[in-house]
C-alpha cells in the first residue's frame, strides 16, 4: 500500500488537520485499521488522536481516496467526531451508543 497526500489543511475552528489522501498499490478493499496504521507511521502522527473518517474505493481501479482527521488529543477527537464515525473506528462501543440514544429521547 502506497499513500500519497493530496491535501493537508488546518481547520482552526475545529482545532484539527484534515488530510485527503490517495491510496495506491492495493490488491483488495482497503482496511480502515491498516490505512490508519500506515498513515500514522508515515506522518509520525499520534494514533490515538487520528481517525480515518472516509474511504472511497474507486470502481475498477486499484486505488482509493480517503480523508483523515488529526487532533491534538484523543479527548478532542472524542468530543468533536460524530458517534457513528467513532463507532466505526472502534472508539465507541454499542453500550455507550445506546446509553446516549436513550438519554436523547
C-alpha atoms as a PDB file:
ATOM      1  CA  UNK A   1       0.000   0.000   0.000  1.00  0.00           C
ATOM      2  CA  UNK A   2       1.337   3.384  -1.002  1.00  0.00           C
ATOM      3  CA  UNK A   3      -0.069   6.615   0.438  1.00  0.00           C
ATOM      4  CA  UNK A   4       0.048   9.931  -1.398  1.00  0.00           C
ATOM      5  CA  UNK A   5      -1.023  13.105   0.437  1.00  0.00           C
ATOM      6  CA  UNK A   6      -3.288  15.164  -1.818  1.00  0.00           C
ATOM      7  CA  UNK A   7      -4.150  17.932   0.627  1.00  0.00           C
ATOM      8  CA  UNK A   8      -3.251  18.759   4.222  1.00  0.00           C
ATOM      9  CA  UNK A   9      -5.478  21.511   5.617  1.00  0.00           C
ATOM     10  CA  UNK A  10      -5.548  23.090   9.079  1.00  0.00           C
ATOM     11  CA  UNK A  11      -9.098  23.794  10.271  1.00  0.00           C
ATOM     12  CA  UNK A  12      -8.757  26.310  13.085  1.00  0.00           C
ATOM     13  CA  UNK A  13     -12.452  26.358  14.041  1.00  0.00           C
ATOM     14  CA  UNK A  14     -12.327  22.651  14.958  1.00  0.00           C
ATOM     15  CA  UNK A  15      -8.673  22.649  16.019  1.00  0.00           C
ATOM     16  CA  UNK A  16      -7.748  19.796  13.672  1.00  0.00           C
ATOM     17  CA  UNK A  17      -5.926  18.895  10.480  1.00  0.00           C
ATOM     18  CA  UNK A  18      -7.843  17.336   7.613  1.00  0.00           C
ATOM     19  CA  UNK A  19      -5.746  15.165   5.333  1.00  0.00           C
ATOM     20  CA  UNK A  20      -7.006  13.999   1.932  1.00  0.00           C
ATOM     21  CA  UNK A  21      -5.026  11.080   0.605  1.00  0.00           C
ATOM     22  CA  UNK A  22      -4.807   8.646  -2.261  1.00  0.00           C
ATOM     23  CA  UNK A  23      -4.009   5.005  -1.595  1.00  0.00           C
ATOM     24  CA  UNK A  24      -2.494   3.008  -4.451  1.00  0.00           C
ATOM     25  CA  UNK A  25      -0.840  -0.375  -4.971  1.00  0.00           C
ATOM     26  CA  UNK A  26      -3.668  -2.226  -3.246  1.00  0.00           C
ATOM     27  CA  UNK A  27      -4.895  -5.714  -4.109  1.00  0.00           C
ATOM     28  CA  UNK A  28      -8.274  -5.605  -2.346  1.00  0.00           C
ATOM     29  CA  UNK A  29     -10.511  -3.296  -0.354  1.00  0.00           C
ATOM     30  CA  UNK A  30      -8.504  -1.072   1.971  1.00  0.00           C
ATOM     31  CA  UNK A  31      -8.888  -1.991   5.639  1.00  0.00           C
ATOM     32  CA  UNK A  32      -9.500   1.068   7.802  1.00  0.00           C
ATOM     33  CA  UNK A  33      -7.154  -0.212  10.530  1.00  0.00           C
ATOM     34  CA  UNK A  34      -4.317  -0.858   8.075  1.00  0.00           C
ATOM     35  CA  UNK A  35      -4.666   2.572   6.495  1.00  0.00           C
ATOM     36  CA  UNK A  36      -4.736   4.205   9.943  1.00  0.00           C
ATOM     37  CA  UNK A  37      -1.553   2.398  10.972  1.00  0.00           C
ATOM     38  CA  UNK A  38       0.315   3.226   7.745  1.00  0.00           C
ATOM     39  CA  UNK A  39      -0.739   6.901   7.765  1.00  0.00           C
ATOM     40  CA  UNK A  40       0.314   7.393  11.400  1.00  0.00           C
ATOM     41  CA  UNK A  41       3.651   5.731  10.701  1.00  0.00           C
ATOM     42  CA  UNK A  42       4.306   7.738   7.512  1.00  0.00           C
ATOM     43  CA  UNK A  43       3.480  11.153   9.013  1.00  0.00           C
ATOM     44  CA  UNK A  44       4.562  10.412  12.616  1.00  0.00           C
ATOM     45  CA  UNK A  45       1.042  11.091  13.948  1.00  0.00           C
ATOM     46  CA  UNK A  46      -0.409  10.166  17.320  1.00  0.00           C
ATOM     47  CA  UNK A  47      -2.616   7.099  16.576  1.00  0.00           C
ATOM     48  CA  UNK A  48      -4.985   7.931  19.453  1.00  0.00           C
ATOM     49  CA  UNK A  49      -5.661  11.415  18.055  1.00  0.00           C
ATOM     50  CA  UNK A  50      -6.035  10.351  14.400  1.00  0.00           C
ATOM     51  CA  UNK A  51      -9.128   8.889  12.767  1.00  0.00           C
ATOM     52  CA  UNK A  52      -9.959   7.790   9.219  1.00  0.00           C
ATOM     53  CA  UNK A  53     -13.380   9.290   8.517  1.00  0.00           C
ATOM     54  CA  UNK A  54     -13.927   8.214   4.925  1.00  0.00           C
ATOM     55  CA  UNK A  55     -12.586   5.725   2.385  1.00  0.00           C
ATOM     56  CA  UNK A  56     -13.868   5.716  -1.195  1.00  0.00           C
ATOM     57  CA  UNK A  57     -12.762   2.694  -3.192  1.00  0.00           C
ATOM     58  CA  UNK A  58     -12.561   3.667  -6.862  1.00  0.00           C
ATOM     59  CA  UNK A  59     -14.508   1.262  -9.069  1.00  0.00           C
ATOM     60  CA  UNK A  60     -12.355  -0.697 -11.500  1.00  0.00           C
ATOM     61  CA  UNK A  61      -9.107   0.718 -10.158  1.00  0.00           C
ATOM     62  CA  UNK A  62      -6.623  -0.431  -7.569  1.00  0.00           C
ATOM     63  CA  UNK A  63      -6.759   2.785  -5.623  1.00  0.00           C
ATOM     64  CA  UNK A  64      -8.866   4.553  -3.043  1.00  0.00           C
ATOM     65  CA  UNK A  65      -9.370   8.096  -1.798  1.00  0.00           C
ATOM     66  CA  UNK A  66      -9.588   8.739   1.929  1.00  0.00           C
ATOM     67  CA  UNK A  67      -9.964  11.505   4.497  1.00  0.00           C
ATOM     68  CA  UNK A  68      -8.318  11.535   7.909  1.00  0.00           C
ATOM     69  CA  UNK A  69      -8.777  13.951  10.802  1.00  0.00           C
ATOM     70  CA  UNK A  70      -5.875  14.638  13.150  1.00  0.00           C
ATOM     71  CA  UNK A  71      -6.492  16.248  16.543  1.00  0.00           C
ATOM     72  CA  UNK A  72      -4.161  17.413  19.310  1.00  0.00           C
ATOM     73  CA  UNK A  73      -5.530  14.834  21.737  1.00  0.00           C
ATOM     74  CA  UNK A  74      -7.847  11.843  21.978  1.00  0.00           C
ATOM     75  CA  UNK A  75     -10.235  13.872  24.147  1.00  0.00           C
ATOM     76  CA  UNK A  76     -10.730  16.472  21.379  1.00  0.00           C
ATOM     77  CA  UNK A  77     -11.319  13.690  18.855  1.00  0.00           C
ATOM     78  CA  UNK A  78     -13.980  12.070  21.054  1.00  0.00           C
ATOM     79  CA  UNK A  79     -15.660  15.425  21.688  1.00  0.00           C
ATOM     80  CA  UNK A  80     -15.906  16.557  18.044  1.00  0.00           C
ATOM     81  CA  UNK A  81     -16.289  13.479  15.807  1.00  0.00           C
ATOM     82  CA  UNK A  82     -19.818  12.098  15.242  1.00  0.00           C
ATOM     83  CA  UNK A  83     -20.775   8.950  17.142  1.00  0.00           C
ATOM     84  CA  UNK A  84     -21.159   6.798  14.031  1.00  0.00           C
ATOM     85  CA  UNK A  85     -17.582   7.611  12.965  1.00  0.00           C
ATOM     86  CA  UNK A  86     -16.265   6.791  16.451  1.00  0.00           C
ATOM     87  CA  UNK A  87     -18.186   3.521  16.443  1.00  0.00           C
ATOM     88  CA  UNK A  88     -16.829   2.582  13.012  1.00  0.00           C
ATOM     89  CA  UNK A  89     -13.290   3.239  14.253  1.00  0.00           C
ATOM     90  CA  UNK A  90     -13.879   1.107  17.350  1.00  0.00           C
ATOM     91  CA  UNK A  91     -13.643   4.027  19.775  1.00  0.00           C
ATOM     92  CA  UNK A  92     -17.274   3.800  20.901  1.00  0.00           C
ATOM     93  CA  UNK A  93     -18.974   0.541  21.813  1.00  0.00           C
ATOM     94  CA  UNK A  94     -22.675  -0.338  21.434  1.00  0.00           C
ATOM     95  CA  UNK A  95     -23.353   0.068  25.157  1.00  0.00           C
ATOM     96  CA  UNK A  96     -22.112   3.696  25.136  1.00  0.00           C
ATOM     97  CA  UNK A  97     -24.086   4.452  21.995  1.00  0.00           C
ATOM     98  CA  UNK A  98     -27.358   3.007  23.367  1.00  0.00           C
ATOM     99  CA  UNK A  99     -26.996   4.930  26.636  1.00  0.00           C
ATOM    100  CA  UNK A 100     -26.623   8.171  24.674  1.00  0.00           C
ATOM    101  CA  UNK A 101     -29.575   7.351  22.415  1.00  0.00           C
ATOM    102  CA  UNK A 102     -31.886   6.613  25.366  1.00  0.00           C
ATOM    103  CA  UNK A 103     -30.883   9.843  27.082  1.00  0.00           C
ATOM    104  CA  UNK A 104     -31.748  11.904  23.999  1.00  0.00           C
ATOM    105  CA  UNK A 105     -35.328  10.649  23.609  1.00  0.00           C
END
